C-alpha atoms as a PDB file:
ATOM      1  CA  MET A   1      12.099  -0.283   6.183  1.00  0.00           C
ATOM      2  CA  HIS A   2      12.894   1.034   2.751  1.00  0.00           C
ATOM      3  CA  SER A   3      11.017   4.284   2.632  1.00  0.00           C
ATOM      4  CA  ASP A   4      12.058   6.981   0.230  1.00  0.00           C
ATOM      5  CA  ASN A   5      10.814   8.916  -2.734  1.00  0.00           C
ATOM      6  CA  SER A   6      13.201   7.560  -5.331  1.00  0.00           C
ATOM      7  CA  PRO A   7      12.802   4.374  -7.354  1.00  0.00           C
ATOM      8  CA  SER A   8      15.174   1.581  -6.482  1.00  0.00           C
ATOM      9  CA  LEU A   9      15.845  -1.963  -7.593  1.00  0.00           C
ATOM     10  CA  SER A  10      15.665  -3.361  -4.083  1.00  0.00           C
ATOM     11  CA  GLN A  11      13.184  -6.027  -3.044  1.00  0.00           C
ATOM     12  CA  THR A  12       9.908  -4.389  -1.986  1.00  0.00           C
ATOM     13  CA  ASP A  13       6.752  -6.157  -0.757  1.00  0.00           C
ATOM     14  CA  VAL A  14       4.455  -3.124  -0.595  1.00  0.00           C
ATOM     15  CA  LEU A  15       4.497   0.128  -2.543  1.00  0.00           C
ATOM     16  CA  ILE A  16       2.712   2.984  -0.772  1.00  0.00           C
ATOM     17  CA  CYS A  17       1.560   5.631  -3.229  1.00  0.00           C
ATOM     18  CA  LEU A  18       0.235   8.616  -1.242  1.00  0.00           C
ATOM     19  CA  ASP A  19       0.891  12.355  -1.310  1.00  0.00           C
ATOM     20  CA  ASN A  20       0.384  12.616   2.455  1.00  0.00           C
ATOM     21  CA  GLN A  21       3.878  11.596   3.506  1.00  0.00           C
ATOM     22  CA  GLN A  22       2.974  11.577   7.200  1.00  0.00           C
ATOM     23  CA  ALA A  23       0.275   8.961   6.530  1.00  0.00           C
ATOM     24  CA  ALA A  24       2.590   7.028   4.197  1.00  0.00           C
ATOM     25  CA  THR A  25       5.289   6.925   6.871  1.00  0.00           C
ATOM     26  CA  ARG A  26       2.876   5.704   9.554  1.00  0.00           C
ATOM     27  CA  ILE A  27       1.446   3.004   7.294  1.00  0.00           C
ATOM     28  CA  GLY A  28       4.934   1.994   6.210  1.00  0.00           C
ATOM     29  CA  SER A  29       6.005   1.659   9.844  1.00  0.00           C
ATOM     30  CA  VAL A  30       3.030  -0.555  10.687  1.00  0.00           C
ATOM     31  CA  LEU A  31       3.705  -2.806   7.692  1.00  0.00           C
ATOM     32  CA  SER A  32       7.441  -2.941   8.436  1.00  0.00           C
ATOM     33  CA  GLU A  33       6.694  -4.014  12.013  1.00  0.00           C
ATOM     34  CA  ARG A  34       4.962  -7.022  10.497  1.00  0.00           C
ATOM     35  CA  GLY A  35       8.025  -7.994   8.497  1.00  0.00           C
ATOM     36  CA  LEU A  36       7.230  -6.419   5.132  1.00  0.00           C
ATOM     37  CA  THR A  37       9.592  -4.305   3.071  1.00  0.00           C
ATOM     38  CA  VAL A  38       8.017  -1.028   2.031  1.00  0.00           C
ATOM     39  CA  ALA A  39       8.738   1.742  -0.463  1.00  0.00           C
ATOM     40  CA  THR A  40       6.835   5.020  -0.562  1.00  0.00           C
ATOM     41  CA  ILE A  41       6.345   7.433  -3.417  1.00  0.00           C
ATOM     42  CA  PRO A  42       4.137  10.483  -3.722  1.00  0.00           C
ATOM     43  CA  ALA A  43       1.104   9.979  -5.952  1.00  0.00           C
ATOM     44  CA  THR A  44       2.478  12.714  -8.198  1.00  0.00           C
ATOM     45  CA  GLY A  45       5.572  10.568  -8.825  1.00  0.00           C
ATOM     46  CA  ILE A  46       3.793   7.475 -10.126  1.00  0.00           C
ATOM     47  CA  GLN A  47       4.670   8.228 -13.765  1.00  0.00           C
ATOM     48  CA  GLU A  48       8.400   7.938 -13.025  1.00  0.00           C
ATOM     49  CA  TRP A  49       8.011   4.747 -11.033  1.00  0.00           C
ATOM     50  CA  PHE A  50       8.494   1.207 -12.197  1.00  0.00           C
ATOM     51  CA  GLU A  51       7.198  -1.989 -10.674  1.00  0.00           C
ATOM     52  CA  PRO A  52       9.534  -2.742  -7.750  1.00  0.00           C
ATOM     53  CA  ASN A  53      11.238  -6.116  -7.791  1.00  0.00           C
ATOM     54  CA  GLY A  54       9.053  -8.609  -5.935  1.00  0.00           C
ATOM     55  CA  CYS A  55       6.366  -6.048  -5.120  1.00  0.00           C
ATOM     56  CA  GLN A  56       3.052  -7.731  -4.395  1.00  0.00           C
ATOM     57  CA  VAL A  57       0.629  -4.905  -3.620  1.00  0.00           C
ATOM     58  CA  VAL A  58       0.160  -1.140  -3.902  1.00  0.00           C
ATOM     59  CA  VAL A  59      -1.505   0.880  -1.143  1.00  0.00           C
ATOM     60  CA  THR A  60      -3.111   4.082  -2.412  1.00  0.00           C
ATOM     61  CA  HIS A  61      -6.306   6.144  -2.182  1.00  0.00           C
ATOM     62  CA  THR A  62      -9.444   6.265  -4.315  1.00  0.00           C
ATOM     63  CA  ALA A  63      -8.401   9.140  -6.574  1.00  0.00           C
ATOM     64  CA  MET A  64      -5.183   7.347  -7.592  1.00  0.00           C
ATOM     65  CA  ILE A  65      -6.508   3.848  -8.281  1.00  0.00           C
ATOM     66  CA  GLY A  66      -7.057   4.402 -12.020  1.00  0.00           C
ATOM     67  CA  GLU A  67      -3.617   5.878 -12.574  1.00  0.00           C
ATOM     68  CA  VAL A  68      -1.914   3.166 -10.506  1.00  0.00           C
ATOM     69  CA  ARG A  69      -3.740   0.454 -12.458  1.00  0.00           C
ATOM     70  CA  THR A  70      -2.656   2.032 -15.743  1.00  0.00           C
ATOM     71  CA  ARG A  71       0.968   2.306 -14.664  1.00  0.00           C
ATOM     72  CA  LEU A  72       1.490  -0.838 -12.559  1.00  0.00           C
ATOM     73  CA  LYS A  73       0.094  -4.335 -12.979  1.00  0.00           C
ATOM     74  CA  LEU A  74      -0.249  -5.003  -9.264  1.00  0.00           C
ATOM     75  CA  PRO A  75      -3.162  -5.579  -6.886  1.00  0.00           C
ATOM     76  CA  ILE A  76      -4.290  -2.466  -5.039  1.00  0.00           C
ATOM     77  CA  VAL A  77      -5.483  -1.904  -1.477  1.00  0.00           C
ATOM     78  CA  ASN A  78      -7.538   1.293  -1.138  1.00  0.00           C
ATOM     79  CA  LEU A  79      -6.568   2.931   2.135  1.00  0.00           C
ATOM     80  CA  GLU A  80      -9.821   4.921   2.250  1.00  0.00           C
ATOM     81  CA  ALA A  81     -11.864   1.713   2.541  1.00  0.00           C
ATOM     82  CA  PHE A  82     -10.570   1.424   6.117  1.00  0.00           C
ATOM     83  CA  ILE A  83     -11.480   4.919   7.303  1.00  0.00           C
ATOM     84  CA  PHE A  84     -14.843   5.230   9.019  1.00  0.00           C
ATOM     85  CA  ASP A  85     -16.916   8.061  10.458  1.00  0.00           C
ATOM     86  CA  ARG A  86     -17.310   7.933  14.217  1.00  0.00           C
ATOM     87  CA  PRO A  87     -20.818   8.964  15.233  1.00  0.00           C
ATOM     88  CA  ASP A  88     -19.680   9.573  18.813  1.00  0.00           C
ATOM     89  CA  HIS A  89     -16.912  12.010  17.828  1.00  0.00           C
ATOM     90  CA  ALA A  90     -18.836  15.041  19.098  1.00  0.00           C
ATOM     91  CA  THR A  91     -18.043  14.065  22.665  1.00  0.00           C
ATOM     92  CA  GLU A  92     -14.802  12.126  22.300  1.00  0.00           C
ATOM     93  CA  GLY A  93     -11.944  11.847  19.824  1.00  0.00           C
ATOM     94  CA  ALA A  94     -11.632  12.428  16.103  1.00  0.00           C
ATOM     95  CA  ALA A  95     -14.515  12.402  13.641  1.00  0.00           C
ATOM     96  CA  ARG A  96     -12.907   9.591  11.642  1.00  0.00           C
ATOM     97  CA  GLN A  97     -11.195   6.373  12.620  1.00  0.00           C
ATOM     98  CA  PHE A  98      -8.779   4.114  10.753  1.00  0.00           C
ATOM     99  CA  ASP A  99      -9.360   0.351  11.129  1.00  0.00           C
ATOM    100  CA  GLY A 100      -5.714  -0.700  11.219  1.00  0.00           C
ATOM    101  CA  ASP A 101      -6.377  -4.356  12.022  1.00  0.00           C
ATOM    102  CA  ALA A 102      -8.697  -4.794   9.032  1.00  0.00           C
ATOM    103  CA  PHE A 103      -6.208  -2.929   6.812  1.00  0.00           C
ATOM    104  CA  ILE A 104      -3.316  -5.227   7.783  1.00  0.00           C
ATOM    105  CA  LYS A 105      -5.483  -8.316   7.245  1.00  0.00           C
ATOM    106  CA  ARG A 106      -6.458  -7.025   3.799  1.00  0.00           C
ATOM    107  CA  VAL A 107      -2.854  -6.334   2.764  1.00  0.00           C
ATOM    108  CA  PHE A 108      -1.787  -9.852   3.752  1.00  0.00           C
ATOM    109  CA  SER A 109      -4.873 -11.341   2.087  1.00  0.00           C
ATOM    110  CA  VAL A 110      -4.157  -9.555  -1.187  1.00  0.00           C
ATOM    111  CA  MET A 111      -0.495 -10.559  -0.996  1.00  0.00           C
ATOM    112  CA  GLY A 112      -1.521 -14.178  -0.457  1.00  0.00           C
ATOM    113  CA  ASP A 113      -3.864 -14.027  -3.439  1.00  0.00           C
ATOM    114  CA  ALA A 114      -1.099 -12.516  -5.584  1.00  0.00           C
ATOM    115  CA  GLN A 115       1.277 -15.313  -4.601  1.00  0.00           C
ATOM    116  CA  LYS A 116      -1.334 -17.931  -5.516  1.00  0.00           C
ATOM    117  CA  ARG A 117      -1.783 -16.354  -8.948  1.00  0.00           C
ATOM    118  CA  ALA A 118       1.915 -15.921  -9.704  1.00  0.00           C
ATOM    119  CA  PRO A 119       4.243 -17.782  -7.354  1.00  0.00           C
ATOM    120  CA  ARG A 120       7.720 -16.275  -7.146  1.00  0.00           C
ATOM    121  CA  GLY A 121      10.303 -18.132  -9.162  1.00  0.00           C
ATOM    122  CA  SER A 122       7.815 -20.128 -11.200  1.00  0.00           C
ATOM    123  CA  VAL A 123       8.256 -20.427 -14.922  1.00  0.00           C
ATOM    124  CA  PRO A 124       5.105 -20.678 -17.069  1.00  0.00           C
ATOM    125  CA  ALA A 125       4.876 -23.851 -19.103  1.00  0.00           C
END
């Protein structure tokens, strides 16, 4: 897994743009386990970032979507769309739950859509 805070020219499938580095690391690990290359940057560092070579999707949170769209021309997966309140949390577990399976499916779906729109290595006529 490529996971650091500095831009690099290496091949990256997913760019994770979150200030919570613990969450970014966990998400990066899950995506890496599924064969994706990942780079992470803090949301505050987006202005210094460039579009990673081969990057297909950016994972971020609601407050950063506008800035990411302005800076990068990549599809975005909003991490917060996969966090749900748990009504039974008063008696067991945390008040919120992350739907990891749905998140992974969404990342791969968006990546597939991006590949259909702009296949790697194709030259426009």
